[in-house]
Amino acid sequence: MSVVSEFKTFISRGNVVDMAVGVIIGGAFGKIVSSLVADVIMPPIGLILGSVNFKDLSLVLKEAVGETPAVTLNYGLFIQNIVDFVIIAFAIFMFIKVINQFKKKVEEQPAAPAAPPRQEVLLEEIRDLLKK
């Protein structure tokens, strides 16, 4: 089997397509949650902390000289990314929890008893006729 045909087989599997859709939706979901954190959650937190914007927090390692920019350690961006990650992880956790509860409810529903095979039905009818 050639590499091209193996690649076609790999791509045409449902799992790969599902994974691609998941990655695309996950990227969009990440942007939404990042906006939620940056535009809705962090401004009140910054206000509570005394009008601090986490993105502006940095430690200057070397001052700017002439046209050379300053060398800074941007720990505020790091804190912001940690907050983003925790909120995204929590949102995904809640989403998966809801999906698992839904699956559990579907699995708990009693399935209708399967009808016995035709041969067994016929044998039971014969047995009943012989008893009479």
N, C-alpha and C. Protein backbone atom coordinates (compact mmCIF):
# COMPACT_ATOMS: atom_id res chain seq x y z
N MET A 1 0.85 -1.18 0.00
CA MET A 1 0.00 0.00 0.00
C MET A 1 0.90 1.24 0.00
N SER A 2 0.61 2.16 -0.89
CA SER A 2 1.44 3.35 -1.00
C SER A 2 1.14 4.33 0.14
N VAL A 3 2.03 5.25 0.32
CA VAL A 3 1.88 6.25 1.37
C VAL A 3 0.64 7.10 1.13
N VAL A 4 0.38 7.44 -0.12
CA VAL A 4 -0.77 8.27 -0.45
C VAL A 4 -2.07 7.55 -0.11
N SER A 5 -2.17 6.27 -0.46
CA SER A 5 -3.41 5.53 -0.16
C SER A 5 -3.56 5.32 1.34
N GLU A 6 -2.46 5.10 2.05
CA GLU A 6 -2.54 4.97 3.51
C GLU A 6 -3.00 6.28 4.13
N PHE A 7 -2.50 7.40 3.60
CA PHE A 7 -2.90 8.71 4.10
C PHE A 7 -4.38 8.95 3.83
N LYS A 8 -4.86 8.57 2.63
CA LYS A 8 -6.29 8.71 2.32
C LYS A 8 -7.14 7.91 3.30
N THR A 9 -6.72 6.68 3.60
CA THR A 9 -7.45 5.83 4.54
C THR A 9 -7.46 6.46 5.92
N PHE A 10 -6.32 6.99 6.33
CA PHE A 10 -6.22 7.62 7.65
C PHE A 10 -7.13 8.84 7.75
N ILE A 11 -7.13 9.68 6.73
CA ILE A 11 -7.92 10.91 6.74
C ILE A 11 -9.41 10.60 6.66
N SER A 12 -9.78 9.55 5.94
CA SER A 12 -11.20 9.26 5.76
C SER A 12 -11.85 8.60 6.97
N ARG A 13 -11.07 8.21 7.94
CA ARG A 13 -11.65 7.65 9.17
C ARG A 13 -12.45 8.72 9.89
N GLY A 14 -13.53 8.31 10.52
CA GLY A 14 -14.39 9.26 11.22
C GLY A 14 -13.70 9.94 12.38
N ASN A 15 -12.81 9.23 13.08
CA ASN A 15 -12.17 9.79 14.26
C ASN A 15 -11.31 11.00 13.92
N VAL A 16 -10.64 10.97 12.79
CA VAL A 16 -9.77 12.08 12.41
C VAL A 16 -10.61 13.31 12.09
N VAL A 17 -11.71 13.11 11.39
CA VAL A 17 -12.58 14.23 11.05
C VAL A 17 -13.19 14.81 12.33
N ASP A 18 -13.65 13.93 13.23
CA ASP A 18 -14.20 14.39 14.50
C ASP A 18 -13.17 15.17 15.30
N MET A 19 -11.93 14.68 15.29
CA MET A 19 -10.87 15.37 16.03
C MET A 19 -10.61 16.75 15.42
N ALA A 20 -10.60 16.84 14.09
CA ALA A 20 -10.37 18.13 13.44
C ALA A 20 -11.48 19.12 13.80
N VAL A 21 -12.71 18.66 13.79
CA VAL A 21 -13.83 19.53 14.16
C VAL A 21 -13.67 19.97 15.62
N GLY A 22 -13.28 19.04 16.48
CA GLY A 22 -13.07 19.37 17.90
C GLY A 22 -11.98 20.41 18.09
N VAL A 23 -10.90 20.30 17.34
CA VAL A 23 -9.80 21.26 17.46
C VAL A 23 -10.27 22.65 17.01
N ILE A 24 -11.02 22.70 15.92
CA ILE A 24 -11.50 23.99 15.42
C ILE A 24 -12.47 24.62 16.41
N ILE A 25 -13.41 23.83 16.90
CA ILE A 25 -14.37 24.35 17.88
C ILE A 25 -13.65 24.73 19.17
N GLY A 26 -12.67 23.93 19.57
CA GLY A 26 -11.89 24.25 20.77
C GLY A 26 -11.15 25.56 20.64
N GLY A 27 -10.61 25.84 19.45
CA GLY A 27 -9.93 27.12 19.23
C GLY A 27 -10.89 28.29 19.37
N ALA A 28 -12.06 28.13 18.78
CA ALA A 28 -13.07 29.20 18.90
C ALA A 28 -13.53 29.34 20.34
N PHE A 29 -13.73 28.22 21.02
CA PHE A 29 -14.15 28.24 22.42
C PHE A 29 -13.09 28.92 23.27
N GLY A 30 -11.82 28.65 22.97
CA GLY A 30 -10.73 29.30 23.71
C GLY A 30 -10.75 30.81 23.55
N LYS A 31 -11.06 31.28 22.35
CA LYS A 31 -11.14 32.73 22.12
C LYS A 31 -12.28 33.34 22.92
N ILE A 32 -13.40 32.64 22.95
CA ILE A 32 -14.56 33.14 23.70
C ILE A 32 -14.23 33.24 25.19
N VAL A 33 -13.63 32.18 25.72
CA VAL A 33 -13.31 32.18 27.15
C VAL A 33 -12.23 33.19 27.45
N SER A 34 -11.26 33.35 26.57
CA SER A 34 -10.22 34.36 26.78
C SER A 34 -10.83 35.76 26.82
N SER A 35 -11.78 36.01 25.94
CA SER A 35 -12.47 37.30 25.96
C SER A 35 -13.26 37.47 27.25
N LEU A 36 -13.91 36.39 27.69
CA LEU A 36 -14.65 36.43 28.96
C LEU A 36 -13.72 36.82 30.10
N VAL A 37 -12.57 36.19 30.14
CA VAL A 37 -11.61 36.47 31.21
C VAL A 37 -11.08 37.89 31.10
N ALA A 38 -10.61 38.26 29.90
CA ALA A 38 -9.96 39.57 29.74
C ALA A 38 -10.94 40.73 29.83
N ASP A 39 -12.14 40.56 29.30
CA ASP A 39 -13.06 41.69 29.20
C ASP A 39 -14.14 41.74 30.27
N VAL A 40 -14.42 40.61 30.92
CA VAL A 40 -15.52 40.58 31.90
C VAL A 40 -15.02 40.29 33.31
N ILE A 41 -14.17 39.29 33.45
CA ILE A 41 -13.78 38.86 34.80
C ILE A 41 -12.62 39.69 35.36
N MET A 42 -11.58 39.93 34.56
CA MET A 42 -10.39 40.59 35.09
C MET A 42 -10.58 42.08 35.42
N PRO A 43 -11.38 42.85 34.69
CA PRO A 43 -11.55 44.25 35.11
C PRO A 43 -12.08 44.43 36.53
N PRO A 44 -13.13 43.68 36.96
CA PRO A 44 -13.55 43.83 38.36
C PRO A 44 -12.49 43.37 39.36
N ILE A 45 -11.76 42.31 38.99
CA ILE A 45 -10.69 41.84 39.90
C ILE A 45 -9.62 42.91 40.01
N GLY A 46 -9.25 43.52 38.88
CA GLY A 46 -8.27 44.61 38.91
C GLY A 46 -8.76 45.79 39.71
N LEU A 47 -10.05 46.10 39.62
CA LEU A 47 -10.63 47.20 40.39
C LEU A 47 -10.56 46.91 41.89
N ILE A 48 -10.87 45.67 42.25
CA ILE A 48 -10.81 45.27 43.67
C ILE A 48 -9.37 45.37 44.19
N LEU A 49 -8.42 45.03 43.33
CA LEU A 49 -7.01 45.06 43.74
C LEU A 49 -6.38 46.45 43.59
N GLY A 50 -7.20 47.46 43.33
CA GLY A 50 -6.65 48.82 43.26
C GLY A 50 -6.28 49.23 41.85
N SER A 51 -7.14 48.94 40.88
CA SER A 51 -6.95 49.32 39.48
C SER A 51 -5.66 48.75 38.90
N VAL A 52 -5.37 47.51 39.25
CA VAL A 52 -4.19 46.84 38.72
C VAL A 52 -4.60 46.04 37.49
N ASN A 53 -3.89 46.23 36.40
CA ASN A 53 -4.08 45.41 35.21
C ASN A 53 -2.95 44.39 35.19
N PHE A 54 -3.30 43.13 35.27
CA PHE A 54 -2.27 42.09 35.37
C PHE A 54 -1.31 42.13 34.19
N LYS A 55 -1.79 42.49 33.02
CA LYS A 55 -0.93 42.49 31.84
C LYS A 55 0.18 43.54 31.95
N ASP A 56 -0.03 44.56 32.77
CA ASP A 56 0.97 45.62 32.92
C ASP A 56 2.04 45.29 33.97
N LEU A 57 1.84 44.23 34.74
CA LEU A 57 2.80 43.89 35.78
C LEU A 57 4.06 43.30 35.14
N SER A 58 5.19 43.91 35.43
CA SER A 58 6.46 43.42 34.90
C SER A 58 7.61 43.89 35.78
N LEU A 59 8.69 43.21 35.62
CA LEU A 59 9.91 43.55 36.36
C LEU A 59 10.96 43.95 35.31
N VAL A 60 11.48 45.16 35.43
CA VAL A 60 12.45 45.65 34.45
C VAL A 60 13.82 45.07 34.81
N LEU A 61 14.37 44.28 33.91
CA LEU A 61 15.69 43.69 34.13
C LEU A 61 16.80 44.63 33.63
N LYS A 62 16.50 45.33 32.53
CA LYS A 62 17.48 46.29 32.00
C LYS A 62 16.70 47.44 31.38
N GLU A 63 17.02 48.65 31.79
CA GLU A 63 16.33 49.84 31.30
C GLU A 63 16.59 50.04 29.81
N ALA A 64 15.68 50.74 29.17
CA ALA A 64 15.85 51.06 27.75
C ALA A 64 16.98 52.06 27.60
N VAL A 65 17.80 51.84 26.60
CA VAL A 65 18.91 52.74 26.32
C VAL A 65 18.82 53.13 24.85
N GLY A 66 18.57 54.43 24.60
CA GLY A 66 18.46 54.90 23.22
C GLY A 66 17.28 54.22 22.54
N GLU A 67 17.56 53.58 21.41
CA GLU A 67 16.50 52.88 20.69
C GLU A 67 16.38 51.42 21.10
N THR A 68 17.23 50.98 21.99
CA THR A 68 17.16 49.60 22.48
C THR A 68 16.04 49.52 23.51
N PRO A 69 15.06 48.64 23.28
CA PRO A 69 13.94 48.55 24.25
C PRO A 69 14.39 47.93 25.57
N ALA A 70 13.61 48.19 26.58
CA ALA A 70 13.92 47.64 27.91
C ALA A 70 13.69 46.13 27.90
N VAL A 71 14.46 45.46 28.73
CA VAL A 71 14.30 44.02 28.90
C VAL A 71 13.45 43.83 30.15
N THR A 72 12.26 43.21 29.97
CA THR A 72 11.34 43.06 31.10
C THR A 72 10.94 41.60 31.29
N LEU A 73 10.63 41.31 32.52
CA LEU A 73 10.09 40.00 32.88
C LEU A 73 8.60 40.23 33.11
N ASN A 74 7.78 39.79 32.17
CA ASN A 74 6.34 40.08 32.17
C ASN A 74 5.57 39.03 32.96
N TYR A 75 5.67 39.07 34.26
CA TYR A 75 4.99 38.08 35.08
C TYR A 75 3.49 38.31 35.12
N GLY A 76 3.04 39.50 34.81
CA GLY A 76 1.60 39.78 34.77
C GLY A 76 0.92 39.01 33.66
N LEU A 77 1.55 38.93 32.49
CA LEU A 77 1.00 38.13 31.39
C LEU A 77 0.92 36.66 31.79
N PHE A 78 1.93 36.20 32.52
CA PHE A 78 1.94 34.81 32.98
C PHE A 78 0.76 34.56 33.93
N ILE A 79 0.53 35.48 34.85
CA ILE A 79 -0.61 35.34 35.78
C ILE A 79 -1.92 35.34 34.99
N GLN A 80 -2.02 36.22 34.00
CA GLN A 80 -3.22 36.29 33.17
C GLN A 80 -3.46 34.97 32.44
N ASN A 81 -2.40 34.38 31.90
CA ASN A 81 -2.53 33.10 31.20
C ASN A 81 -2.92 31.97 32.14
N ILE A 82 -2.44 32.01 33.37
CA ILE A 82 -2.84 30.99 34.36
C ILE A 82 -4.32 31.13 34.67
N VAL A 83 -4.79 32.35 34.86
CA VAL A 83 -6.22 32.57 35.12
C VAL A 83 -7.05 32.10 33.93
N ASP A 84 -6.61 32.43 32.71
CA ASP A 84 -7.31 31.96 31.51
C ASP A 84 -7.40 30.44 31.48
N PHE A 85 -6.27 29.79 31.75
CA PHE A 85 -6.23 28.32 31.72
C PHE A 85 -7.18 27.72 32.74
N VAL A 86 -7.17 28.24 33.96
CA VAL A 86 -8.03 27.68 35.01
C VAL A 86 -9.50 27.84 34.62
N ILE A 87 -9.87 28.98 34.09
CA ILE A 87 -11.27 29.19 33.72
C ILE A 87 -11.66 28.31 32.53
N ILE A 88 -10.78 28.19 31.53
CA ILE A 88 -11.07 27.32 30.39
C ILE A 88 -11.17 25.87 30.85
N ALA A 89 -10.25 25.43 31.70
CA ALA A 89 -10.30 24.05 32.19
C ALA A 89 -11.58 23.79 32.97
N PHE A 90 -12.00 24.75 33.78
CA PHE A 90 -13.23 24.58 34.55
C PHE A 90 -14.45 24.53 33.63
N ALA A 91 -14.46 25.38 32.61
CA ALA A 91 -15.59 25.38 31.67
C ALA A 91 -15.66 24.06 30.91
N ILE A 92 -14.53 23.53 30.48
CA ILE A 92 -14.52 22.24 29.79
C ILE A 92 -14.94 21.13 30.74
N PHE A 93 -14.48 21.18 31.98
CA PHE A 93 -14.88 20.19 32.97
C PHE A 93 -16.40 20.17 33.15
N MET A 94 -16.99 21.36 33.28
CA MET A 94 -18.44 21.43 33.46
C MET A 94 -19.17 20.93 32.22
N PHE A 95 -18.67 21.25 31.05
CA PHE A 95 -19.28 20.80 29.80
C PHE A 95 -19.24 19.27 29.71
N ILE A 96 -18.11 18.67 30.02
CA ILE A 96 -17.98 17.21 29.96
C ILE A 96 -18.84 16.57 31.04
N LYS A 97 -18.93 17.20 32.20
CA LYS A 97 -19.76 16.67 33.28
C LYS A 97 -21.23 16.61 32.84
N VAL A 98 -21.71 17.65 32.18
CA VAL A 98 -23.09 17.67 31.69
C VAL A 98 -23.29 16.58 30.64
N ILE A 99 -22.33 16.43 29.74
CA ILE A 99 -22.44 15.39 28.70
C ILE A 99 -22.47 14.01 29.34
N ASN A 100 -21.61 13.76 30.33
CA ASN A 100 -21.59 12.45 30.99
C ASN A 100 -22.90 12.18 31.72
N GLN A 101 -23.49 13.19 32.36
CA GLN A 101 -24.78 13.00 33.03
C GLN A 101 -25.86 12.67 32.00
N PHE A 102 -25.82 13.32 30.87
CA PHE A 102 -26.80 13.04 29.81
C PHE A 102 -26.64 11.60 29.31
N LYS A 103 -25.39 11.18 29.09
CA LYS A 103 -25.14 9.80 28.63
C LYS A 103 -25.61 8.79 29.67
N LYS A 104 -25.38 9.11 30.94
CA LYS A 104 -25.77 8.21 32.02
C LYS A 104 -27.29 8.05 32.05
N LYS A 105 -28.03 9.14 31.87
CA LYS A 105 -29.49 9.07 31.85
C LYS A 105 -29.98 8.23 30.68
N VAL A 106 -29.33 8.37 29.54
CA VAL A 106 -29.72 7.59 28.36
C VAL A 106 -29.43 6.11 28.59
N GLU A 107 -28.30 5.80 29.22
CA GLU A 107 -27.95 4.40 29.48
C GLU A 107 -28.85 3.77 30.54
N GLU A 108 -29.34 4.57 31.49
CA GLU A 108 -30.16 4.04 32.56
C GLU A 108 -31.58 3.70 32.11
N GLN A 109 -32.01 4.25 31.00
CA GLN A 109 -33.36 3.95 30.53
C GLN A 109 -33.43 2.47 30.19
N PRO A 110 -34.46 1.78 30.75
CA PRO A 110 -34.54 0.34 30.48
C PRO A 110 -34.85 0.08 29.01
N ALA A 111 -34.11 -0.84 28.48
CA ALA A 111 -34.33 -1.20 27.09
C ALA A 111 -35.49 -2.19 27.02
N ALA A 112 -36.23 -2.11 25.96
CA ALA A 112 -37.35 -3.04 25.79
C ALA A 112 -36.77 -4.44 25.65
N PRO A 113 -37.42 -5.42 26.31
CA PRO A 113 -36.89 -6.78 26.19
C PRO A 113 -36.93 -7.25 24.74
N ALA A 114 -35.87 -7.87 24.35
CA ALA A 114 -35.78 -8.34 22.97
C ALA A 114 -36.73 -9.51 22.77
N ALA A 115 -37.35 -9.52 21.63
CA ALA A 115 -38.25 -10.63 21.31
C ALA A 115 -37.41 -11.88 21.11
N PRO A 116 -37.94 -13.01 21.59
CA PRO A 116 -37.18 -14.26 21.41
C PRO A 116 -37.11 -14.61 19.92
N PRO A 117 -36.11 -15.36 19.56
CA PRO A 117 -36.00 -15.75 18.15
C PRO A 117 -37.24 -16.54 17.70
N ARG A 118 -37.49 -16.51 16.43
CA ARG A 118 -38.69 -17.16 15.86
C ARG A 118 -38.71 -18.64 16.17
N GLN A 119 -37.55 -19.28 16.16
CA GLN A 119 -37.50 -20.72 16.44
C GLN A 119 -38.00 -21.02 17.84
N GLU A 120 -37.59 -20.20 18.80
CA GLU A 120 -38.04 -20.43 20.18
C GLU A 120 -39.54 -20.24 20.30
N VAL A 121 -40.09 -19.26 19.63
CA VAL A 121 -41.53 -19.02 19.67
C VAL A 121 -42.27 -20.24 19.12
N LEU A 122 -41.77 -20.75 17.99
CA LEU A 122 -42.40 -21.94 17.40
C LEU A 122 -42.30 -23.14 18.32
N LEU A 123 -41.12 -23.32 18.94
CA LEU A 123 -40.95 -24.45 19.87
C LEU A 123 -41.88 -24.33 21.07
N GLU A 124 -42.08 -23.12 21.58
CA GLU A 124 -42.99 -22.92 22.71
C GLU A 124 -44.43 -23.22 22.29
N GLU A 125 -44.79 -22.84 21.09
CA GLU A 125 -46.14 -23.13 20.60
C GLU A 125 -46.36 -24.63 20.47
N ILE A 126 -45.34 -25.33 19.96
CA ILE A 126 -45.43 -26.80 19.84
C ILE A 126 -45.54 -27.43 21.21
N ARG A 127 -44.76 -26.96 22.16
CA ARG A 127 -44.80 -27.48 23.52
C ARG A 127 -46.19 -27.29 24.12
N ASP A 128 -46.74 -26.09 23.94
CA ASP A 128 -48.06 -25.80 24.49
C ASP A 128 -49.13 -26.69 23.84
N LEU A 129 -49.00 -26.94 22.54
CA LEU A 129 -49.96 -27.80 21.85
C LEU A 129 -49.85 -29.25 22.34
N LEU A 130 -48.62 -29.69 22.61
CA LEU A 130 -48.43 -31.06 23.09
C LEU A 130 -48.99 -31.22 24.50
N LYS A 131 -48.91 -30.18 25.32
CA LYS A 131 -49.46 -30.25 26.67
C LYS A 131 -50.99 -30.42 26.63
N LYS A 132 -51.63 -29.81 25.64
CA LYS A 132 -53.09 -29.89 25.53
C LYS A 132 -53.45 -31.26 25.07
